[in-house]
Amino acid sequence: QVQLVESGGGLVQAGGSLRLSCAASGRTASSYTMGWFRQAPGKEREFVAAIRWSGGSTYYADSVKGRFTMSRDNAKSTVYLQMNSLNAEDTAVYYCAARNRRGLPVNNRGSYDYWGQGTQVTVSS
């Protein structure tokens, strides 16, 4: 089992920045990929970014590329999502996710085994 706890959400003005954190505990050694997803009201949960624990390769949705940066701290078993140049379309609940399987695209929501409780990000225009 892997437990994920997100933090860092809040209210920010358009153009501002926030940094989300996701602390992982449990069988983290078996977690191969960590991801961030988000869900806006009335919309499906969508992929935002992902990072591999081994090697640190990162992947981003086109909508956030160049504005968001995902990173990890292996010693703390924590991943981060630095979000810059935020706009109203970024308003959503952001979820951290983990999976210990390979061979599937990192933006495949169904491939993730563990999810955090989510943290609200609200961008005011």
N, C-alpha and C. Protein backbone atom coordinates (compact mmCIF):
# COMPACT_ATOMS: atom_id res chain seq x y z
N GLN A 1 0.83 -1.20 0.00
CA GLN A 1 0.00 0.00 0.00
C GLN A 1 0.86 1.24 0.00
N VAL A 2 0.39 2.26 -0.67
CA VAL A 2 1.06 3.55 -0.71
C VAL A 2 0.05 4.61 -0.28
N GLN A 3 0.47 5.47 0.60
CA GLN A 3 -0.38 6.57 1.03
C GLN A 3 0.18 7.87 0.46
N LEU A 4 -0.70 8.70 -0.04
CA LEU A 4 -0.30 9.96 -0.66
C LEU A 4 -1.06 11.10 0.00
N VAL A 5 -0.33 12.14 0.37
CA VAL A 5 -0.96 13.30 1.01
C VAL A 5 -0.50 14.55 0.29
N GLU A 6 -1.46 15.26 -0.31
CA GLU A 6 -1.15 16.49 -1.03
C GLU A 6 -1.27 17.69 -0.09
N SER A 7 -0.56 18.74 -0.43
CA SER A 7 -0.67 20.00 0.28
C SER A 7 -0.23 21.12 -0.65
N GLY A 8 -0.53 22.35 -0.25
CA GLY A 8 -0.05 23.50 -1.01
C GLY A 8 -1.09 24.20 -1.86
N GLY A 9 -2.29 23.67 -1.92
CA GLY A 9 -3.32 24.35 -2.71
C GLY A 9 -3.77 25.62 -2.04
N GLY A 10 -4.59 26.40 -2.76
CA GLY A 10 -5.10 27.63 -2.19
C GLY A 10 -5.65 28.54 -3.26
N LEU A 11 -5.84 29.78 -2.87
CA LEU A 11 -6.39 30.82 -3.77
C LEU A 11 -5.25 31.72 -4.22
N VAL A 12 -5.18 31.96 -5.52
CA VAL A 12 -4.12 32.80 -6.07
C VAL A 12 -4.71 33.63 -7.21
N GLN A 13 -4.15 34.78 -7.43
CA GLN A 13 -4.60 35.62 -8.54
C GLN A 13 -4.00 35.12 -9.85
N ALA A 14 -4.69 35.42 -10.93
CA ALA A 14 -4.19 35.06 -12.25
C ALA A 14 -2.78 35.64 -12.45
N GLY A 15 -1.91 34.82 -13.00
CA GLY A 15 -0.53 35.21 -13.18
C GLY A 15 0.38 34.83 -12.03
N GLY A 16 -0.22 34.37 -10.95
CA GLY A 16 0.55 34.00 -9.78
C GLY A 16 1.06 32.58 -9.83
N SER A 17 1.65 32.15 -8.71
CA SER A 17 2.28 30.83 -8.63
C SER A 17 1.86 30.10 -7.37
N LEU A 18 1.91 28.80 -7.44
CA LEU A 18 1.70 27.93 -6.29
C LEU A 18 2.60 26.72 -6.45
N ARG A 19 2.96 26.11 -5.31
CA ARG A 19 3.69 24.86 -5.36
C ARG A 19 2.94 23.81 -4.56
N LEU A 20 2.59 22.75 -5.23
CA LEU A 20 1.93 21.63 -4.58
C LEU A 20 2.97 20.60 -4.16
N SER A 21 2.69 19.93 -3.05
CA SER A 21 3.55 18.85 -2.58
C SER A 21 2.72 17.59 -2.42
N CYS A 22 3.38 16.45 -2.60
CA CYS A 22 2.74 15.16 -2.39
C CYS A 22 3.73 14.27 -1.67
N ALA A 23 3.42 13.97 -0.42
CA ALA A 23 4.27 13.11 0.38
C ALA A 23 3.77 11.68 0.29
N ALA A 24 4.67 10.80 -0.07
CA ALA A 24 4.33 9.39 -0.23
C ALA A 24 4.89 8.57 0.93
N SER A 25 4.12 7.62 1.39
CA SER A 25 4.58 6.71 2.44
C SER A 25 4.07 5.32 2.14
N GLY A 26 4.68 4.35 2.81
CA GLY A 26 4.30 2.98 2.55
C GLY A 26 5.30 2.32 1.62
N ARG A 27 4.81 1.54 0.70
CA ARG A 27 5.69 0.79 -0.19
C ARG A 27 6.14 1.65 -1.36
N THR A 28 6.78 2.77 -1.05
CA THR A 28 7.17 3.71 -2.09
C THR A 28 8.26 3.15 -2.99
N ALA A 29 9.04 2.19 -2.47
CA ALA A 29 10.11 1.65 -3.30
C ALA A 29 9.56 0.99 -4.56
N SER A 30 8.33 0.54 -4.50
CA SER A 30 7.76 -0.13 -5.66
C SER A 30 7.02 0.83 -6.59
N SER A 31 6.91 2.09 -6.20
CA SER A 31 6.20 3.06 -7.04
C SER A 31 7.13 3.55 -8.13
N TYR A 32 6.79 3.27 -9.34
CA TYR A 32 7.66 3.58 -10.45
C TYR A 32 7.42 4.96 -11.01
N THR A 33 6.16 5.39 -11.06
CA THR A 33 5.81 6.68 -11.64
C THR A 33 4.84 7.42 -10.72
N MET A 34 5.08 8.71 -10.57
CA MET A 34 4.17 9.57 -9.81
C MET A 34 3.53 10.55 -10.78
N GLY A 35 2.27 10.84 -10.58
CA GLY A 35 1.57 11.74 -11.48
C GLY A 35 0.73 12.77 -10.74
N TRP A 36 0.45 13.85 -11.44
CA TRP A 36 -0.52 14.84 -10.98
C TRP A 36 -1.66 14.88 -12.00
N PHE A 37 -2.85 14.84 -11.47
CA PHE A 37 -4.06 14.98 -12.27
C PHE A 37 -4.89 16.11 -11.66
N ARG A 38 -5.86 16.61 -12.43
CA ARG A 38 -6.74 17.63 -11.89
C ARG A 38 -8.15 17.42 -12.41
N GLN A 39 -9.09 17.90 -11.63
CA GLN A 39 -10.49 17.77 -12.00
C GLN A 39 -11.22 19.06 -11.68
N ALA A 40 -11.71 19.71 -12.73
CA ALA A 40 -12.52 20.92 -12.58
C ALA A 40 -13.99 20.52 -12.46
N PRO A 41 -14.81 21.38 -11.89
CA PRO A 41 -16.24 21.06 -11.73
C PRO A 41 -16.89 20.71 -13.06
N GLY A 42 -17.58 19.60 -13.08
CA GLY A 42 -18.29 19.19 -14.29
C GLY A 42 -17.42 18.59 -15.37
N LYS A 43 -16.14 18.39 -15.08
CA LYS A 43 -15.22 17.84 -16.08
C LYS A 43 -14.59 16.56 -15.58
N GLU A 44 -14.03 15.80 -16.51
CA GLU A 44 -13.34 14.59 -16.13
C GLU A 44 -11.96 14.91 -15.56
N ARG A 45 -11.47 13.98 -14.79
CA ARG A 45 -10.12 14.14 -14.25
C ARG A 45 -9.12 14.02 -15.40
N GLU A 46 -8.20 14.97 -15.47
CA GLU A 46 -7.26 14.99 -16.58
C GLU A 46 -5.81 14.97 -16.11
N PHE A 47 -4.98 14.45 -16.95
CA PHE A 47 -3.54 14.38 -16.68
C PHE A 47 -2.92 15.77 -16.72
N VAL A 48 -2.00 15.98 -15.78
CA VAL A 48 -1.26 17.24 -15.73
C VAL A 48 0.24 17.00 -15.96
N ALA A 49 0.82 16.12 -15.15
CA ALA A 49 2.26 15.88 -15.23
C ALA A 49 2.58 14.55 -14.57
N ALA A 50 3.77 14.02 -14.91
CA ALA A 50 4.23 12.79 -14.29
C ALA A 50 5.75 12.78 -14.24
N ILE A 51 6.27 11.99 -13.30
CA ILE A 51 7.72 11.86 -13.16
C ILE A 51 8.03 10.44 -12.73
N ARG A 52 9.13 9.94 -13.22
CA ARG A 52 9.56 8.61 -12.83
C ARG A 52 10.54 8.74 -11.66
N TRP A 53 10.37 7.88 -10.62
CA TRP A 53 11.30 7.92 -9.49
C TRP A 53 12.71 7.61 -9.96
N SER A 54 12.82 6.66 -10.88
CA SER A 54 14.13 6.27 -11.39
C SER A 54 14.45 7.07 -12.63
N GLY A 55 15.47 7.87 -12.58
CA GLY A 55 15.87 8.67 -13.74
C GLY A 55 15.27 10.06 -13.76
N GLY A 56 14.07 10.22 -13.21
CA GLY A 56 13.48 11.54 -13.11
C GLY A 56 12.92 12.12 -14.38
N SER A 57 12.65 11.30 -15.39
CA SER A 57 12.04 11.82 -16.61
C SER A 57 10.68 12.42 -16.29
N THR A 58 10.38 13.55 -16.92
CA THR A 58 9.12 14.22 -16.67
C THR A 58 8.28 14.32 -17.94
N TYR A 59 6.99 14.41 -17.74
CA TYR A 59 6.03 14.46 -18.84
C TYR A 59 4.95 15.48 -18.46
N TYR A 60 4.46 16.22 -19.44
CA TYR A 60 3.49 17.26 -19.17
C TYR A 60 2.37 17.26 -20.19
N ALA A 61 1.20 17.66 -19.73
CA ALA A 61 0.11 17.93 -20.65
C ALA A 61 0.44 19.19 -21.43
N ASP A 62 -0.04 19.26 -22.65
CA ASP A 62 0.25 20.44 -23.49
C ASP A 62 -0.24 21.72 -22.84
N SER A 63 -1.33 21.64 -22.10
CA SER A 63 -1.94 22.83 -21.52
C SER A 63 -1.09 23.46 -20.41
N VAL A 64 -0.14 22.70 -19.86
CA VAL A 64 0.67 23.24 -18.77
C VAL A 64 2.15 23.30 -19.11
N LYS A 65 2.51 22.77 -20.26
CA LYS A 65 3.91 22.74 -20.65
C LYS A 65 4.48 24.16 -20.70
N GLY A 66 5.64 24.33 -20.09
CA GLY A 66 6.27 25.64 -20.04
C GLY A 66 5.85 26.48 -18.85
N ARG A 67 4.78 26.07 -18.17
CA ARG A 67 4.32 26.82 -16.99
C ARG A 67 4.47 26.00 -15.70
N PHE A 68 4.28 24.70 -15.79
CA PHE A 68 4.35 23.81 -14.63
C PHE A 68 5.64 23.00 -14.68
N THR A 69 6.18 22.73 -13.52
CA THR A 69 7.37 21.89 -13.41
C THR A 69 7.17 20.88 -12.29
N MET A 70 7.36 19.62 -12.62
CA MET A 70 7.26 18.57 -11.61
C MET A 70 8.65 18.12 -11.23
N SER A 71 8.87 17.92 -9.93
CA SER A 71 10.17 17.48 -9.45
C SER A 71 9.98 16.51 -8.30
N ARG A 72 11.08 15.91 -7.85
CA ARG A 72 10.98 14.94 -6.77
C ARG A 72 12.15 15.10 -5.82
N ASP A 73 11.92 14.68 -4.59
CA ASP A 73 12.98 14.60 -3.58
C ASP A 73 12.93 13.17 -3.06
N ASN A 74 13.83 12.35 -3.55
CA ASN A 74 13.80 10.94 -3.19
C ASN A 74 13.99 10.72 -1.70
N ALA A 75 14.84 11.53 -1.08
CA ALA A 75 15.11 11.37 0.34
C ALA A 75 13.86 11.60 1.18
N LYS A 76 13.01 12.49 0.71
CA LYS A 76 11.78 12.80 1.44
C LYS A 76 10.57 12.06 0.90
N SER A 77 10.77 11.28 -0.15
CA SER A 77 9.66 10.58 -0.80
C SER A 77 8.53 11.56 -1.12
N THR A 78 8.91 12.67 -1.68
CA THR A 78 7.96 13.74 -1.97
C THR A 78 8.13 14.23 -3.40
N VAL A 79 7.03 14.48 -4.05
CA VAL A 79 7.07 15.11 -5.37
C VAL A 79 6.39 16.46 -5.27
N TYR A 80 6.78 17.32 -6.19
CA TYR A 80 6.28 18.70 -6.18
C TYR A 80 5.74 19.06 -7.56
N LEU A 81 4.84 20.01 -7.55
CA LEU A 81 4.36 20.58 -8.80
C LEU A 81 4.42 22.10 -8.65
N GLN A 82 5.41 22.69 -9.28
CA GLN A 82 5.54 24.15 -9.30
C GLN A 82 4.67 24.68 -10.43
N MET A 83 3.73 25.54 -10.09
CA MET A 83 2.79 26.06 -11.07
C MET A 83 2.96 27.57 -11.19
N ASN A 84 3.35 28.02 -12.36
CA ASN A 84 3.56 29.44 -12.62
C ASN A 84 2.57 29.93 -13.67
N SER A 85 2.43 31.23 -13.76
CA SER A 85 1.55 31.85 -14.75
C SER A 85 0.17 31.22 -14.74
N LEU A 86 -0.38 31.09 -13.56
CA LEU A 86 -1.67 30.43 -13.42
C LEU A 86 -2.78 31.28 -14.03
N ASN A 87 -3.76 30.59 -14.58
CA ASN A 87 -4.94 31.27 -15.12
C ASN A 87 -6.20 30.56 -14.63
N ALA A 88 -7.34 31.15 -14.93
CA ALA A 88 -8.60 30.64 -14.39
C ALA A 88 -8.86 29.20 -14.82
N GLU A 89 -8.35 28.80 -15.99
CA GLU A 89 -8.55 27.44 -16.48
C GLU A 89 -7.78 26.40 -15.66
N ASP A 90 -6.88 26.85 -14.83
CA ASP A 90 -6.14 25.94 -13.96
C ASP A 90 -6.89 25.63 -12.67
N THR A 91 -8.00 26.30 -12.45
CA THR A 91 -8.79 26.05 -11.25
C THR A 91 -9.35 24.63 -11.25
N ALA A 92 -9.03 23.88 -10.20
CA ALA A 92 -9.45 22.48 -10.14
C ALA A 92 -8.98 21.90 -8.80
N VAL A 93 -9.45 20.70 -8.53
CA VAL A 93 -8.87 19.91 -7.45
C VAL A 93 -7.72 19.12 -8.07
N TYR A 94 -6.57 19.21 -7.45
CA TYR A 94 -5.38 18.54 -7.96
C TYR A 94 -5.11 17.29 -7.12
N TYR A 95 -4.90 16.19 -7.83
CA TYR A 95 -4.67 14.90 -7.18
C TYR A 95 -3.28 14.37 -7.52
N CYS A 96 -2.66 13.83 -6.51
CA CYS A 96 -1.40 13.12 -6.69
C CYS A 96 -1.73 11.63 -6.86
N ALA A 97 -0.98 10.95 -7.71
CA ALA A 97 -1.24 9.54 -7.96
C ALA A 97 0.08 8.79 -8.12
N ALA A 98 0.02 7.50 -7.87
CA ALA A 98 1.22 6.66 -7.99
C ALA A 98 0.85 5.33 -8.62
N ARG A 99 1.81 4.78 -9.35
CA ARG A 99 1.59 3.47 -9.92
C ARG A 99 2.89 2.70 -9.90
N ASN A 100 2.80 1.38 -9.85
CA ASN A 100 3.99 0.55 -9.86
C ASN A 100 3.95 -0.43 -11.01
N ARG A 101 3.41 0.00 -12.10
CA ARG A 101 3.40 -0.83 -13.29
C ARG A 101 4.03 -0.04 -14.44
N ARG A 102 4.52 -0.76 -15.41
CA ARG A 102 5.15 -0.13 -16.55
C ARG A 102 4.40 -0.47 -17.83
N GLY A 103 4.81 0.16 -18.89
CA GLY A 103 4.28 -0.24 -20.19
C GLY A 103 3.05 0.50 -20.63
N LEU A 104 2.51 1.37 -19.78
CA LEU A 104 1.33 2.14 -20.15
C LEU A 104 1.69 3.61 -20.18
N PRO A 105 1.04 4.39 -21.01
CA PRO A 105 1.33 5.82 -21.05
C PRO A 105 1.14 6.47 -19.68
N VAL A 106 1.99 7.40 -19.36
CA VAL A 106 1.91 8.03 -18.03
C VAL A 106 0.66 8.88 -17.88
N ASN A 107 0.02 9.25 -18.98
CA ASN A 107 -1.20 10.05 -18.87
C ASN A 107 -2.46 9.18 -18.80
N ASN A 108 -2.26 7.88 -18.66
CA ASN A 108 -3.38 6.95 -18.54
C ASN A 108 -3.89 6.94 -17.11
N ARG A 109 -5.00 7.61 -16.88
CA ARG A 109 -5.53 7.74 -15.52
C ARG A 109 -5.80 6.39 -14.87
N GLY A 110 -6.31 5.46 -15.63
CA GLY A 110 -6.65 4.16 -15.08
C GLY A 110 -5.47 3.30 -14.69
N SER A 111 -4.27 3.70 -15.09
CA SER A 111 -3.09 2.90 -14.80
C SER A 111 -2.51 3.19 -13.42
N TYR A 112 -3.04 4.19 -12.75
CA TYR A 112 -2.53 4.57 -11.43
C TYR A 112 -3.29 3.82 -10.34
N ASP A 113 -2.52 3.29 -9.40
CA ASP A 113 -3.09 2.43 -8.37
C ASP A 113 -3.49 3.18 -7.10
N TYR A 114 -2.80 4.27 -6.82
CA TYR A 114 -3.01 4.97 -5.56
C TYR A 114 -3.25 6.45 -5.82
N TRP A 115 -4.14 7.02 -5.01
CA TRP A 115 -4.52 8.42 -5.18
C TRP A 115 -4.55 9.13 -3.82
N GLY A 116 -4.19 10.41 -3.85
CA GLY A 116 -4.35 11.23 -2.67
C GLY A 116 -5.76 11.77 -2.58
N GLN A 117 -5.99 12.57 -1.54
CA GLN A 117 -7.34 13.08 -1.29
C GLN A 117 -7.65 14.32 -2.10
N GLY A 118 -6.63 14.93 -2.69
CA GLY A 118 -6.83 16.11 -3.52
C GLY A 118 -6.64 17.41 -2.75
N THR A 119 -6.21 18.43 -3.45
CA THR A 119 -6.06 19.76 -2.88
C THR A 119 -6.62 20.78 -3.88
N GLN A 120 -7.39 21.72 -3.36
CA GLN A 120 -8.07 22.69 -4.22
C GLN A 120 -7.12 23.81 -4.63
N VAL A 121 -7.13 24.11 -5.91
CA VAL A 121 -6.43 25.27 -6.44
C VAL A 121 -7.47 26.15 -7.12
N THR A 122 -7.54 27.39 -6.67
CA THR A 122 -8.48 28.34 -7.24
C THR A 122 -7.73 29.57 -7.73
N VAL A 123 -7.91 29.88 -9.00
CA VAL A 123 -7.24 31.03 -9.59
C VAL A 123 -8.30 32.08 -9.91
N SER A 124 -8.14 33.24 -9.31
CA SER A 124 -9.10 34.32 -9.52
C SER A 124 -8.62 35.22 -10.66
N SER A 125 -9.55 35.60 -11.50
CA SER A 125 -9.18 36.43 -12.66
C SER A 125 -9.45 37.89 -12.39
